[in-house]
């Protein structure tokens, strides 16, 4: 279960409250890094949930492609 906690900061932080956010059982584990991150302001987070990686696609020059497609619109 992904949890949110309210902390009291200090030399030894203290957990003052907890709340369950969602069931995380279906999230793929990631190692050596986490597959989630929290926004610097603490208001949002993102979770990567995908099948095992079988290929990588690199798209070079994608900004120019976007500009080209935007200028071609009627």
PDB file of N, CA and C in Angstrom:
ATOM      1  N   UNK A   1       0.841  -1.182   0.000  1.00  0.00           N
ATOM      2  CA  UNK A   1       0.000   0.000   0.000  1.00  0.00           C
ATOM      3  C   UNK A   1       0.878   1.234   0.000  1.00  0.00           C
ATOM      4  N   UNK A   2       0.607   2.166  -0.923  1.00  0.00           N
ATOM      5  CA  UNK A   2       1.323   3.446  -0.913  1.00  0.00           C
ATOM      6  C   UNK A   2       0.681   4.295   0.178  1.00  0.00           C
ATOM      7  N   UNK A   3       1.517   4.823   1.041  1.00  0.00           N
ATOM      8  CA  UNK A   3       1.038   5.573   2.195  1.00  0.00           C
ATOM      9  C   UNK A   3       1.521   7.017   2.136  1.00  0.00           C
ATOM     10  N   UNK A   4       0.752   7.911   2.752  1.00  0.00           N
ATOM     11  CA  UNK A   4       1.165   9.295   2.973  1.00  0.00           C
ATOM     12  C   UNK A   4       1.322   9.454   4.475  1.00  0.00           C
ATOM     13  N   UNK A   5       2.333  10.191   4.883  1.00  0.00           N
ATOM     14  CA  UNK A   5       2.575  10.379   6.312  1.00  0.00           C
ATOM     15  C   UNK A   5       2.750  11.855   6.624  1.00  0.00           C
ATOM     16  N   UNK A   6       2.281  12.255   7.784  1.00  0.00           N
ATOM     17  CA  UNK A   6       2.498  13.600   8.293  1.00  0.00           C
ATOM     18  C   UNK A   6       3.653  13.498   9.282  1.00  0.00           C
ATOM     19  N   UNK A   7       4.708  14.275   9.020  1.00  0.00           N
ATOM     20  CA  UNK A   7       5.901  14.201   9.853  1.00  0.00           C
ATOM     21  C   UNK A   7       6.102  15.472  10.653  1.00  0.00           C
ATOM     22  N   UNK A   8       6.631  15.301  11.835  1.00  0.00           N
ATOM     23  CA  UNK A   8       7.100  16.430  12.642  1.00  0.00           C
ATOM     24  C   UNK A   8       8.614  16.448  12.465  1.00  0.00           C
ATOM     25  N   UNK A   9       9.140  17.475  11.777  1.00  0.00           N
ATOM     26  CA  UNK A   9      10.575  17.488  11.519  1.00  0.00           C
ATOM     27  C   UNK A   9      11.374  17.728  12.797  1.00  0.00           C
ATOM     28  N   UNK A  10      12.629  17.402  12.735  1.00  0.00           N
ATOM     29  CA  UNK A  10      13.529  17.610  13.855  1.00  0.00           C
ATOM     30  C   UNK A  10      14.701  16.672  13.738  1.00  0.00           C
ATOM     31  N   UNK A  11      15.586  16.676  14.728  1.00  0.00           N
ATOM     32  CA  UNK A  11      16.739  15.774  14.690  1.00  0.00           C
ATOM     33  C   UNK A  11      16.305  14.311  14.557  1.00  0.00           C
ATOM     34  N   UNK A  12      15.201  13.967  15.191  1.00  0.00           N
ATOM     35  CA  UNK A  12      14.596  12.645  15.052  1.00  0.00           C
ATOM     36  C   UNK A  12      13.153  12.866  14.612  1.00  0.00           C
ATOM     37  N   UNK A  13      12.870  12.810  13.294  1.00  0.00           N
ATOM     38  CA  UNK A  13      11.499  13.062  12.825  1.00  0.00           C
ATOM     39  C   UNK A  13      10.503  12.089  13.464  1.00  0.00           C
ATOM     40  N   UNK A  14       9.294  12.597  13.713  1.00  0.00           N
ATOM     41  CA  UNK A  14       8.242  11.794  14.339  1.00  0.00           C
ATOM     42  C   UNK A  14       7.050  11.731  13.386  1.00  0.00           C
ATOM     43  N   UNK A  15       6.525  10.520  13.147  1.00  0.00           N
ATOM     44  CA  UNK A  15       5.332  10.348  12.322  1.00  0.00           C
ATOM     45  C   UNK A  15       4.117  10.694  13.174  1.00  0.00           C
ATOM     46  N   UNK A  16       3.351  11.700  12.732  1.00  0.00           N
ATOM     47  CA  UNK A  16       2.167  12.150  13.476  1.00  0.00           C
ATOM     48  C   UNK A  16       0.862  11.641  12.875  1.00  0.00           C
ATOM     49  N   UNK A  17       0.895  11.165  11.646  1.00  0.00           N
ATOM     50  CA  UNK A  17      -0.319  10.654  11.017  1.00  0.00           C
ATOM     51  C   UNK A  17       0.015   9.866   9.767  1.00  0.00           C
ATOM     52  N   UNK A  18      -0.876   8.950   9.405  1.00  0.00           N
ATOM     53  CA  UNK A  18      -0.702   8.124   8.212  1.00  0.00           C
ATOM     54  C   UNK A  18      -2.034   8.011   7.485  1.00  0.00           C
ATOM     55  N   UNK A  19      -1.958   7.870   6.156  1.00  0.00           N
ATOM     56  CA  UNK A  19      -3.168   7.661   5.358  1.00  0.00           C
ATOM     57  C   UNK A  19      -2.815   6.774   4.174  1.00  0.00           C
ATOM     58  N   UNK A  20      -3.622   5.742   3.931  1.00  0.00           N
ATOM     59  CA  UNK A  20      -3.427   4.874   2.777  1.00  0.00           C
ATOM     60  C   UNK A  20      -3.853   5.622   1.520  1.00  0.00           C
ATOM     61  N   UNK A  21      -3.025   5.578   0.464  1.00  0.00           N
ATOM     62  CA  UNK A  21      -3.352   6.237  -0.788  1.00  0.00           C
ATOM     63  C   UNK A  21      -3.929   5.253  -1.804  1.00  0.00           C
ATOM     64  N   UNK A  22      -3.232   4.138  -2.060  1.00  0.00           N
ATOM     65  CA  UNK A  22      -3.732   3.138  -2.994  1.00  0.00           C
ATOM     66  C   UNK A  22      -2.945   1.847  -2.832  1.00  0.00           C
ATOM     67  N   UNK A  23      -3.498   0.778  -3.366  1.00  0.00           N
ATOM     68  CA  UNK A  23      -2.854  -0.533  -3.339  1.00  0.00           C
ATOM     69  C   UNK A  23      -1.702  -0.523  -4.343  1.00  0.00           C
ATOM     70  N   UNK A  24      -0.512  -0.821  -3.885  1.00  0.00           N
ATOM     71  CA  UNK A  24       0.667  -0.791  -4.745  1.00  0.00           C
ATOM     72  C   UNK A  24       1.126  -2.192  -5.143  1.00  0.00           C
ATOM     73  N   UNK A  25       0.296  -3.205  -4.923  1.00  0.00           N
ATOM     74  CA  UNK A  25       0.690  -4.589  -5.192  1.00  0.00           C
ATOM     75  C   UNK A  25       0.990  -4.836  -6.669  1.00  0.00           C
ATOM     76  N   UNK A  26       0.345  -4.111  -7.582  1.00  0.00           N
ATOM     77  CA  UNK A  26       0.542  -4.343  -9.011  1.00  0.00           C
ATOM     78  C   UNK A  26       1.695  -3.545  -9.612  1.00  0.00           C
ATOM     79  N   UNK A  27       2.353  -2.727  -8.815  1.00  0.00           N
ATOM     80  CA  UNK A  27       3.474  -1.939  -9.327  1.00  0.00           C
ATOM     81  C   UNK A  27       4.700  -2.828  -9.474  1.00  0.00           C
ATOM     82  N   UNK A  28       5.370  -2.691 -10.608  1.00  0.00           N
ATOM     83  CA  UNK A  28       6.580  -3.471 -10.846  1.00  0.00           C
ATOM     84  C   UNK A  28       7.700  -2.948  -9.957  1.00  0.00           C
ATOM     85  N   UNK A  29       8.445  -3.842  -9.323  1.00  0.00           N
ATOM     86  CA  UNK A  29       9.566  -3.374  -8.506  1.00  0.00           C
ATOM     87  C   UNK A  29      10.658  -2.781  -9.383  1.00  0.00           C
ATOM     88  N   UNK A  30      11.428  -1.875  -8.835  1.00  0.00           N
ATOM     89  CA  UNK A  30      12.523  -1.253  -9.564  1.00  0.00           C
ATOM     90  C   UNK A  30      13.767  -1.293  -8.682  1.00  0.00           C
ATOM     91  N   UNK A  31      14.878  -1.615  -9.287  1.00  0.00           N
ATOM     92  CA  UNK A  31      16.130  -1.664  -8.548  1.00  0.00           C
ATOM     93  C   UNK A  31      17.247  -1.275  -9.498  1.00  0.00           C
ATOM     94  N   UNK A  32      18.161  -0.478  -9.139  1.00  0.00           N
ATOM     95  CA  UNK A  32      18.502   0.000  -7.802  1.00  0.00           C
ATOM     96  C   UNK A  32      17.832   1.321  -7.442  1.00  0.00           C
ATOM     97  N   UNK A  33      16.878   1.794  -8.227  1.00  0.00           N
ATOM     98  CA  UNK A  33      16.211   3.068  -7.960  1.00  0.00           C
ATOM     99  C   UNK A  33      14.729   2.822  -7.697  1.00  0.00           C
ATOM    100  N   UNK A  34      14.056   3.833  -7.221  1.00  0.00           N
ATOM    101  CA  UNK A  34      12.608   3.746  -7.007  1.00  0.00           C
ATOM    102  C   UNK A  34      11.889   3.971  -8.326  1.00  0.00           C
ATOM    103  N   UNK A  35      10.673   3.441  -8.453  1.00  0.00           N
ATOM    104  CA  UNK A  35       9.882   3.677  -9.656  1.00  0.00           C
ATOM    105  C   UNK A  35       8.814   4.728  -9.388  1.00  0.00           C
ATOM    106  N   UNK A  36       9.056   5.585  -8.416  1.00  0.00           N
ATOM    107  CA  UNK A  36       8.141   6.671  -8.098  1.00  0.00           C
ATOM    108  C   UNK A  36       8.961   7.865  -7.622  1.00  0.00           C
ATOM    109  N   UNK A  37       8.340   9.049  -7.649  1.00  0.00           N
ATOM    110  CA  UNK A  37       8.995  10.244  -7.151  1.00  0.00           C
ATOM    111  C   UNK A  37       7.936  11.240  -6.713  1.00  0.00           C
ATOM    112  N   UNK A  38       8.319  12.147  -5.855  1.00  0.00           N
ATOM    113  CA  UNK A  38       7.420  13.158  -5.305  1.00  0.00           C
ATOM    114  C   UNK A  38       7.853  14.523  -5.825  1.00  0.00           C
ATOM    115  N   UNK A  39       6.878  15.369  -6.196  1.00  0.00           N
ATOM    116  CA  UNK A  39       7.185  16.724  -6.650  1.00  0.00           C
ATOM    117  C   UNK A  39       7.858  17.495  -5.519  1.00  0.00           C
ATOM    118  N   UNK A  40       8.751  18.424  -5.854  1.00  0.00           N
ATOM    119  CA  UNK A  40       9.453  19.190  -4.815  1.00  0.00           C
ATOM    120  C   UNK A  40       8.515  19.893  -3.832  1.00  0.00           C
ATOM    121  N   UNK A  41       7.330  20.307  -4.301  1.00  0.00           N
ATOM    122  CA  UNK A  41       6.404  20.997  -3.391  1.00  0.00           C
ATOM    123  C   UNK A  41       5.522  20.026  -2.613  1.00  0.00           C
ATOM    124  N   UNK A  42       5.662  18.717  -2.866  1.00  0.00           N
ATOM    125  CA  UNK A  42       4.922  17.707  -2.113  1.00  0.00           C
ATOM    126  C   UNK A  42       3.461  17.560  -2.488  1.00  0.00           C
ATOM    127  N   UNK A  43       3.011  18.209  -3.559  1.00  0.00           N
ATOM    128  CA  UNK A  43       1.588  18.163  -3.914  1.00  0.00           C
ATOM    129  C   UNK A  43       1.245  17.055  -4.905  1.00  0.00           C
ATOM    130  N   UNK A  44       2.262  16.489  -5.588  1.00  0.00           N
ATOM    131  CA  UNK A  44       2.001  15.463  -6.594  1.00  0.00           C
ATOM    132  C   UNK A  44       3.088  14.405  -6.532  1.00  0.00           C
ATOM    133  N   UNK A  45       2.777  13.249  -7.108  1.00  0.00           N
ATOM    134  CA  UNK A  45       3.804  12.234  -7.297  1.00  0.00           C
ATOM    135  C   UNK A  45       3.503  11.470  -8.566  1.00  0.00           C
ATOM    136  N   UNK A  46       4.512  10.794  -9.050  1.00  0.00           N
ATOM    137  CA  UNK A  46       4.384  10.016 -10.266  1.00  0.00           C
ATOM    138  C   UNK A  46       4.875   8.602  -9.971  1.00  0.00           C
ATOM    139  N   UNK A  47       4.190   7.624 -10.570  1.00  0.00           N
ATOM    140  CA  UNK A  47       4.555   6.226 -10.396  1.00  0.00           C
ATOM    141  C   UNK A  47       4.704   5.613 -11.781  1.00  0.00           C
ATOM    142  N   UNK A  48       5.834   4.957 -12.024  1.00  0.00           N
ATOM    143  CA  UNK A  48       6.048   4.255 -13.285  1.00  0.00           C
ATOM    144  C   UNK A  48       5.602   2.820 -13.104  1.00  0.00           C
ATOM    145  N   UNK A  49       4.691   2.394 -13.959  1.00  0.00           N
ATOM    146  CA  UNK A  49       4.189   1.031 -13.896  1.00  0.00           C
ATOM    147  C   UNK A  49       4.163   0.508 -15.320  1.00  0.00           C
ATOM    148  N   UNK A  50       5.078  -0.394 -15.620  1.00  0.00           N
ATOM    149  CA  UNK A  50       5.153  -0.901 -16.982  1.00  0.00           C
ATOM    150  C   UNK A  50       5.637  -2.333 -16.983  1.00  0.00           C
ATOM    151  N   UNK A  51       5.475  -2.971 -18.118  1.00  0.00           N
ATOM    152  CA  UNK A  51       5.980  -4.332 -18.305  1.00  0.00           C
ATOM    153  C   UNK A  51       7.503  -4.271 -18.364  1.00  0.00           C
ATOM    154  N   UNK A  52       8.140  -5.394 -18.179  1.00  0.00           N
ATOM    155  CA  UNK A  52       9.605  -5.404 -18.285  1.00  0.00           C
ATOM    156  C   UNK A  52      10.062  -4.815 -19.617  1.00  0.00           C
ATOM    157  N   UNK A  53      11.132  -4.062 -19.585  1.00  0.00           N
ATOM    158  CA  UNK A  53      11.659  -3.389 -20.764  1.00  0.00           C
ATOM    159  C   UNK A  53      12.251  -4.399 -21.740  1.00  0.00           C
ATOM    160  N   UNK A  54      11.785  -4.369 -22.979  1.00  0.00           N
ATOM    161  CA  UNK A  54      12.311  -5.272 -24.002  1.00  0.00           C
ATOM    162  C   UNK A  54      13.023  -4.512 -25.107  1.00  0.00           C
ATOM    163  N   UNK A  55      12.773  -3.201 -25.204  1.00  0.00           N
ATOM    164  CA  UNK A  55      13.467  -2.395 -26.201  1.00  0.00           C
ATOM    165  C   UNK A  55      13.428  -0.935 -25.768  1.00  0.00           C
ATOM    166  N   UNK A  56      14.333  -0.158 -26.333  1.00  0.00           N
ATOM    167  CA  UNK A  56      14.399   1.277 -26.066  1.00  0.00           C
ATOM    168  C   UNK A  56      14.343   1.986 -27.406  1.00  0.00           C
ATOM    169  N   UNK A  57      13.503   3.018 -27.497  1.00  0.00           N
ATOM    170  CA  UNK A  57      13.409   3.808 -28.723  1.00  0.00           C
ATOM    171  C   UNK A  57      13.871   5.224 -28.402  1.00  0.00           C
ATOM    172  N   UNK A  58      14.871   5.694 -29.113  1.00  0.00           N
ATOM    173  CA  UNK A  58      15.365   7.058 -28.958  1.00  0.00           C
ATOM    174  C   UNK A  58      14.777   7.896 -30.083  1.00  0.00           C
ATOM    175  N   UNK A  59      14.225   9.043 -29.737  1.00  0.00           N
ATOM    176  CA  UNK A  59      13.692   9.958 -30.746  1.00  0.00           C
ATOM    177  C   UNK A  59      14.538  11.218 -30.694  1.00  0.00           C
ATOM    178  N   UNK A  60      15.335  11.413 -31.724  1.00  0.00           N
ATOM    179  CA  UNK A  60      16.202  12.581 -31.804  1.00  0.00           C
ATOM    180  C   UNK A  60      15.522  13.656 -32.638  1.00  0.00           C
ATOM    181  N   UNK A  61      15.693  14.887 -32.268  1.00  0.00           N
ATOM    182  CA  UNK A  61      15.129  15.991 -33.025  1.00  0.00           C
ATOM    183  C   UNK A  61      13.620  16.090 -32.933  1.00  0.00           C
ATOM    184  N   UNK A  62      13.032  15.599 -31.844  1.00  0.00           N
ATOM    185  CA  UNK A  62      11.574  15.575 -31.745  1.00  0.00           C
ATOM    186  C   UNK A  62      10.985  16.975 -31.648  1.00  0.00           C
ATOM    187  N   UNK A  63      11.738  17.935 -31.097  1.00  0.00           N
ATOM    188  CA  UNK A  63      11.189  19.294 -31.009  1.00  0.00           C
ATOM    189  C   UNK A  63      10.990  19.888 -32.399  1.00  0.00           C
ATOM    190  N   UNK A  64      11.929  19.617 -33.313  1.00  0.00           N
ATOM    191  CA  UNK A  64      11.780  20.108 -34.682  1.00  0.00           C
ATOM    192  C   UNK A  64      10.589  19.442 -35.363  1.00  0.00           C
ATOM    193  N   UNK A  65      10.376  18.167 -35.091  1.00  0.00           N
ATOM    194  CA  UNK A  65       9.215  17.460 -35.657  1.00  0.00           C
ATOM    195  C   UNK A  65       7.913  18.084 -35.160  1.00  0.00           C
ATOM    196  N   UNK A  66       7.846  18.438 -33.894  1.00  0.00           N
ATOM    197  CA  UNK A  66       6.654  19.089 -33.349  1.00  0.00           C
ATOM    198  C   UNK A  66       6.427  20.424 -34.023  1.00  0.00           C
ATOM    199  N   UNK A  67       7.485  21.231 -34.174  1.00  0.00           N
ATOM    200  CA  UNK A  67       7.360  22.525 -34.835  1.00  0.00           C
ATOM    201  C   UNK A  67       6.868  22.353 -36.274  1.00  0.00           C
ATOM    202  N   UNK A  68       7.421  21.371 -36.993  1.00  0.00           N
ATOM    203  CA  UNK A  68       7.018  21.130 -38.370  1.00  0.00           C
ATOM    204  C   UNK A  68       5.547  20.767 -38.451  1.00  0.00           C
ATOM    205  N   UNK A  69       5.104  19.899 -37.556  1.00  0.00           N
ATOM    206  CA  UNK A  69       3.701  19.478 -37.573  1.00  0.00           C
ATOM    207  C   UNK A  69       2.764  20.622 -37.176  1.00  0.00           C
ATOM    208  N   UNK A  70       3.206  21.455 -36.243  1.00  0.00           N
ATOM    209  CA  UNK A  70       2.384  22.597 -35.832  1.00  0.00           C
ATOM    210  C   UNK A  70       2.235  23.609 -36.971  1.00  0.00           C
ATOM    211  N   UNK A  71       3.308  23.846 -37.695  1.00  0.00           N
ATOM    212  CA  UNK A  71       3.229  24.826 -38.785  1.00  0.00           C
ATOM    213  C   UNK A  71       2.431  24.297 -39.973  1.00  0.00           C
ATOM    214  N   UNK A  72       2.250  22.988 -40.085  1.00  0.00           N
ATOM    215  CA  UNK A  72       1.498  22.391 -41.184  1.00  0.00           C
ATOM    216  C   UNK A  72       0.000  22.368 -40.914  1.00  0.00           C
ATOM    217  N   UNK A  73      -0.416  22.682 -39.687  1.00  0.00           N
ATOM    218  CA  UNK A  73      -1.857  22.655 -39.362  1.00  0.00           C
ATOM    219  C   UNK A  73      -2.566  23.802 -40.063  1.00  0.00           C
ATOM    220  N   UNK A  74      -3.816  23.546 -40.518  1.00  0.00           N
ATOM    221  CA  UNK A  74      -4.579  24.613 -41.218  1.00  0.00           C
ATOM    222  C   UNK A  74      -4.987  25.727 -40.289  1.00  0.00           C
TER     223      UNK A  74
END
